[in-house]
């Protein structure tokens, strides 16, 4: 009997769907309190996940889900930068 490797699942902060981790983009809050896209998935800090879809980022922004995850206020320009990074990663 072959053991299949368990796929790590994460919930998208935008649509709330559980998806395989590598289909999502990690947004990370560094110990210094900086918010950025973590395309490698290896940065230190608190992470939250979003689909590689600008709409999900928009939904997460509207519902303030990332702000809740990181328990801090997130400035508009951070969302703008995240959106650019998301589009660049496409």
N, C-alpha and C. Protein backbone atom coordinates (compact mmCIF):
# COMPACT_ATOMS: atom_id res chain seq x y z
N UNK A 1 0.83 -1.19 0.00
CA UNK A 1 0.00 0.00 0.00
C UNK A 1 0.88 1.25 0.00
N UNK A 2 0.66 2.11 -0.99
CA UNK A 2 1.48 3.31 -1.07
C UNK A 2 0.89 4.44 -0.25
N UNK A 3 1.74 5.07 0.53
CA UNK A 3 1.30 6.20 1.35
C UNK A 3 1.33 7.46 0.47
N UNK A 4 0.16 8.10 0.32
CA UNK A 4 0.16 9.34 -0.45
C UNK A 4 0.50 10.48 0.49
N UNK A 5 1.29 11.41 -0.02
CA UNK A 5 1.73 12.53 0.79
C UNK A 5 0.56 13.48 1.01
N UNK A 6 0.40 13.89 2.25
CA UNK A 6 -0.70 14.80 2.58
C UNK A 6 -0.41 16.18 2.00
N UNK A 7 -1.37 16.75 1.31
CA UNK A 7 -1.21 18.08 0.73
C UNK A 7 -1.58 19.10 1.79
N UNK A 8 -0.64 20.02 2.13
CA UNK A 8 -1.01 21.02 3.13
C UNK A 8 -2.07 21.97 2.59
N UNK A 9 -3.16 22.11 3.32
CA UNK A 9 -4.26 22.97 2.90
C UNK A 9 -4.26 24.25 3.73
N UNK A 10 -4.65 25.34 3.09
CA UNK A 10 -4.76 26.62 3.78
C UNK A 10 -6.04 27.30 3.33
N UNK A 11 -6.57 28.18 4.18
CA UNK A 11 -7.79 28.88 3.82
C UNK A 11 -7.46 30.25 3.23
N UNK A 12 -8.11 30.56 2.13
CA UNK A 12 -7.94 31.87 1.51
C UNK A 12 -8.65 32.91 2.36
N UNK A 13 -7.95 34.01 2.66
CA UNK A 13 -8.55 35.08 3.47
C UNK A 13 -9.63 35.82 2.70
N UNK A 14 -9.64 35.68 1.37
CA UNK A 14 -10.65 36.35 0.56
C UNK A 14 -11.93 35.56 0.43
N UNK A 15 -11.85 34.41 -0.24
CA UNK A 15 -13.06 33.63 -0.51
C UNK A 15 -13.38 32.63 0.59
N UNK A 16 -12.43 32.38 1.48
CA UNK A 16 -12.68 31.46 2.59
C UNK A 16 -12.64 30.00 2.19
N UNK A 17 -12.16 29.70 0.98
CA UNK A 17 -12.09 28.31 0.54
C UNK A 17 -10.78 27.67 0.98
N UNK A 18 -10.85 26.39 1.30
CA UNK A 18 -9.63 25.66 1.61
C UNK A 18 -9.01 25.22 0.29
N UNK A 19 -7.73 25.52 0.11
CA UNK A 19 -7.05 25.14 -1.12
C UNK A 19 -5.66 24.64 -0.80
N UNK A 20 -5.05 23.86 -1.71
CA UNK A 20 -3.67 23.44 -1.47
C UNK A 20 -2.77 24.67 -1.31
N UNK A 21 -1.87 24.58 -0.35
CA UNK A 21 -1.02 25.71 0.00
C UNK A 21 -0.30 26.32 -1.20
N UNK A 22 0.16 25.48 -2.14
CA UNK A 22 0.93 26.07 -3.23
C UNK A 22 0.08 26.77 -4.27
N UNK A 23 -1.24 26.68 -4.16
CA UNK A 23 -2.11 27.46 -5.07
C UNK A 23 -2.38 28.84 -4.51
N UNK A 24 -1.93 29.08 -3.28
CA UNK A 24 -2.21 30.36 -2.63
C UNK A 24 -0.93 31.18 -2.49
N UNK A 25 -1.10 32.46 -2.25
CA UNK A 25 0.03 33.34 -2.01
C UNK A 25 0.02 33.69 -0.53
N UNK A 26 1.19 33.66 0.09
CA UNK A 26 1.26 33.98 1.51
C UNK A 26 1.54 35.46 1.68
N UNK A 27 0.75 36.09 2.52
CA UNK A 27 0.99 37.48 2.89
C UNK A 27 1.54 37.39 4.29
N UNK A 28 2.67 38.05 4.55
CA UNK A 28 3.32 37.88 5.84
C UNK A 28 3.53 39.20 6.56
N UNK A 29 3.36 39.15 7.88
CA UNK A 29 3.69 40.31 8.71
C UNK A 29 4.98 39.97 9.41
N UNK A 30 6.03 40.70 9.09
CA UNK A 30 7.34 40.42 9.68
C UNK A 30 7.35 40.80 11.15
N UNK A 31 8.33 40.29 11.90
CA UNK A 31 8.42 40.67 13.32
C UNK A 31 8.53 42.19 13.50
N UNK A 32 8.99 42.90 12.46
CA UNK A 32 9.07 44.36 12.52
C UNK A 32 7.74 45.02 12.19
N UNK A 33 6.73 44.22 11.85
CA UNK A 33 5.41 44.76 11.57
C UNK A 33 5.21 45.17 10.13
N UNK A 34 6.11 44.72 9.25
CA UNK A 34 5.98 45.07 7.84
C UNK A 34 5.16 44.00 7.12
N UNK A 35 4.26 44.43 6.24
CA UNK A 35 3.41 43.49 5.51
C UNK A 35 3.93 43.35 4.09
N UNK A 36 4.13 42.11 3.63
CA UNK A 36 4.60 41.91 2.26
C UNK A 36 4.12 40.57 1.73
N UNK A 37 4.25 40.40 0.40
CA UNK A 37 3.94 39.12 -0.23
C UNK A 37 5.13 38.21 0.02
N UNK A 38 4.84 36.98 0.38
CA UNK A 38 5.91 36.01 0.58
C UNK A 38 5.75 34.96 -0.50
N UNK A 39 6.43 35.17 -1.62
CA UNK A 39 6.25 34.25 -2.74
C UNK A 39 6.99 32.94 -2.53
N UNK A 40 7.99 32.92 -1.62
CA UNK A 40 8.72 31.69 -1.36
C UNK A 40 8.03 30.86 -0.28
N UNK A 41 7.22 31.54 0.55
CA UNK A 41 6.55 30.84 1.64
C UNK A 41 7.48 30.55 2.80
N UNK A 42 8.64 31.22 2.84
CA UNK A 42 9.63 30.92 3.86
C UNK A 42 9.97 32.08 4.79
N UNK A 43 9.38 33.24 4.57
CA UNK A 43 9.72 34.40 5.41
C UNK A 43 9.23 34.19 6.83
N UNK A 44 9.97 34.77 7.78
CA UNK A 44 9.58 34.68 9.18
C UNK A 44 8.44 35.64 9.44
N UNK A 45 7.55 35.25 10.32
CA UNK A 45 6.45 36.14 10.67
C UNK A 45 5.11 35.45 10.58
N UNK A 46 4.07 36.19 10.89
CA UNK A 46 2.71 35.67 10.87
C UNK A 46 2.22 35.68 9.43
N UNK A 47 1.69 34.57 8.98
CA UNK A 47 1.24 34.48 7.59
C UNK A 47 -0.26 34.36 7.46
N UNK A 48 -0.76 34.85 6.34
CA UNK A 48 -2.16 34.65 5.98
C UNK A 48 -2.12 34.33 4.49
N UNK A 49 -3.11 33.62 4.00
CA UNK A 49 -3.07 33.20 2.61
C UNK A 49 -4.21 33.79 1.80
N UNK A 50 -3.91 34.07 0.52
CA UNK A 50 -4.94 34.54 -0.42
C UNK A 50 -4.75 33.81 -1.73
N UNK A 51 -5.84 33.60 -2.46
CA UNK A 51 -5.75 33.00 -3.79
C UNK A 51 -4.93 33.93 -4.68
N UNK A 52 -4.36 33.37 -5.74
CA UNK A 52 -3.59 34.19 -6.68
C UNK A 52 -4.55 34.95 -7.57
N UNK A 53 -5.50 35.60 -6.93
CA UNK A 53 -6.58 36.24 -7.65
C UNK A 53 -6.84 37.59 -7.01
N UNK A 54 -6.66 38.67 -7.79
CA UNK A 54 -6.86 40.01 -7.22
C UNK A 54 -8.23 40.19 -6.56
N UNK A 55 -9.24 39.47 -7.04
CA UNK A 55 -10.58 39.58 -6.44
C UNK A 55 -10.58 39.11 -5.00
N UNK A 56 -9.83 38.04 -4.73
CA UNK A 56 -9.79 37.53 -3.36
C UNK A 56 -9.07 38.51 -2.44
N UNK A 57 -8.05 39.17 -2.97
CA UNK A 57 -7.35 40.18 -2.18
C UNK A 57 -8.31 41.32 -1.86
N UNK A 58 -9.12 41.67 -2.86
CA UNK A 58 -10.12 42.72 -2.69
C UNK A 58 -11.12 42.33 -1.59
N UNK A 59 -11.59 41.07 -1.65
CA UNK A 59 -12.56 40.60 -0.66
C UNK A 59 -11.95 40.61 0.74
N UNK A 60 -10.69 40.16 0.82
CA UNK A 60 -10.01 40.13 2.12
C UNK A 60 -9.87 41.55 2.66
N UNK A 61 -9.63 42.49 1.75
CA UNK A 61 -9.48 43.89 2.14
C UNK A 61 -10.81 44.45 2.65
N UNK A 62 -11.87 44.18 1.89
CA UNK A 62 -13.20 44.67 2.27
C UNK A 62 -13.63 44.15 3.63
N UNK A 63 -13.42 42.87 3.84
CA UNK A 63 -13.86 42.25 5.09
C UNK A 63 -12.84 42.45 6.21
N UNK A 64 -11.75 43.15 5.92
CA UNK A 64 -10.67 43.39 6.88
C UNK A 64 -10.12 42.10 7.47
N UNK A 65 -10.09 41.04 6.67
CA UNK A 65 -9.62 39.76 7.20
C UNK A 65 -8.13 39.75 7.48
N UNK A 66 -7.35 40.42 6.62
CA UNK A 66 -5.91 40.46 6.86
C UNK A 66 -5.63 41.29 8.11
N UNK A 67 -6.38 42.36 8.28
CA UNK A 67 -6.19 43.20 9.47
C UNK A 67 -6.49 42.40 10.73
N UNK A 68 -7.49 41.53 10.65
CA UNK A 68 -7.82 40.69 11.79
C UNK A 68 -6.73 39.65 12.02
N UNK A 69 -6.24 39.06 10.93
CA UNK A 69 -5.19 38.05 11.07
C UNK A 69 -3.94 38.63 11.72
N UNK A 70 -3.60 39.85 11.33
CA UNK A 70 -2.36 40.45 11.83
C UNK A 70 -2.62 41.39 13.00
N UNK A 71 -3.86 41.51 13.42
CA UNK A 71 -4.32 42.44 14.45
C UNK A 71 -3.62 43.79 14.38
N UNK A 72 -3.73 44.40 13.21
CA UNK A 72 -3.20 45.75 13.01
C UNK A 72 -3.91 46.42 11.85
N UNK A 73 -3.80 47.73 11.80
CA UNK A 73 -4.37 48.51 10.70
C UNK A 73 -3.45 48.35 9.49
N UNK A 74 -4.02 48.12 8.32
CA UNK A 74 -3.18 47.99 7.12
C UNK A 74 -3.47 49.17 6.21
N UNK A 75 -2.44 50.00 5.95
CA UNK A 75 -2.64 51.17 5.09
C UNK A 75 -2.99 50.78 3.66
N UNK A 76 -3.74 51.67 2.99
CA UNK A 76 -4.17 51.44 1.62
C UNK A 76 -2.99 51.15 0.68
N UNK A 77 -1.88 51.86 0.87
CA UNK A 77 -0.76 51.64 -0.06
C UNK A 77 -0.16 50.24 0.06
N UNK A 78 -0.31 49.62 1.23
CA UNK A 78 0.16 48.25 1.38
C UNK A 78 -0.68 47.33 0.50
N UNK A 79 -2.00 47.55 0.51
CA UNK A 79 -2.88 46.76 -0.35
C UNK A 79 -2.54 46.98 -1.82
N UNK A 80 -2.25 48.24 -2.19
CA UNK A 80 -1.88 48.55 -3.57
C UNK A 80 -0.64 47.76 -3.97
N UNK A 81 0.35 47.75 -3.06
CA UNK A 81 1.60 47.04 -3.36
C UNK A 81 1.35 45.54 -3.47
N UNK A 82 0.53 45.00 -2.57
CA UNK A 82 0.21 43.59 -2.62
C UNK A 82 -0.43 43.23 -3.95
N UNK A 83 -1.36 44.12 -4.38
CA UNK A 83 -2.06 43.90 -5.64
C UNK A 83 -1.08 43.88 -6.81
N UNK A 84 -0.13 44.83 -6.81
CA UNK A 84 0.88 44.87 -7.87
C UNK A 84 1.72 43.61 -7.88
N UNK A 85 2.16 43.20 -6.68
CA UNK A 85 2.98 41.99 -6.58
C UNK A 85 2.20 40.78 -7.05
N UNK A 86 0.91 40.74 -6.73
CA UNK A 86 0.06 39.64 -7.14
C UNK A 86 -0.04 39.59 -8.66
N UNK A 87 -0.27 40.74 -9.27
CA UNK A 87 -0.37 40.81 -10.72
C UNK A 87 0.96 40.50 -11.41
N UNK A 88 2.06 40.92 -10.79
CA UNK A 88 3.38 40.65 -11.36
C UNK A 88 3.70 39.15 -11.30
N UNK A 89 3.18 38.49 -10.28
CA UNK A 89 3.44 37.06 -10.10
C UNK A 89 2.64 36.17 -11.05
N UNK A 90 1.66 36.74 -11.73
CA UNK A 90 0.80 35.96 -12.63
C UNK A 90 1.58 35.37 -13.78
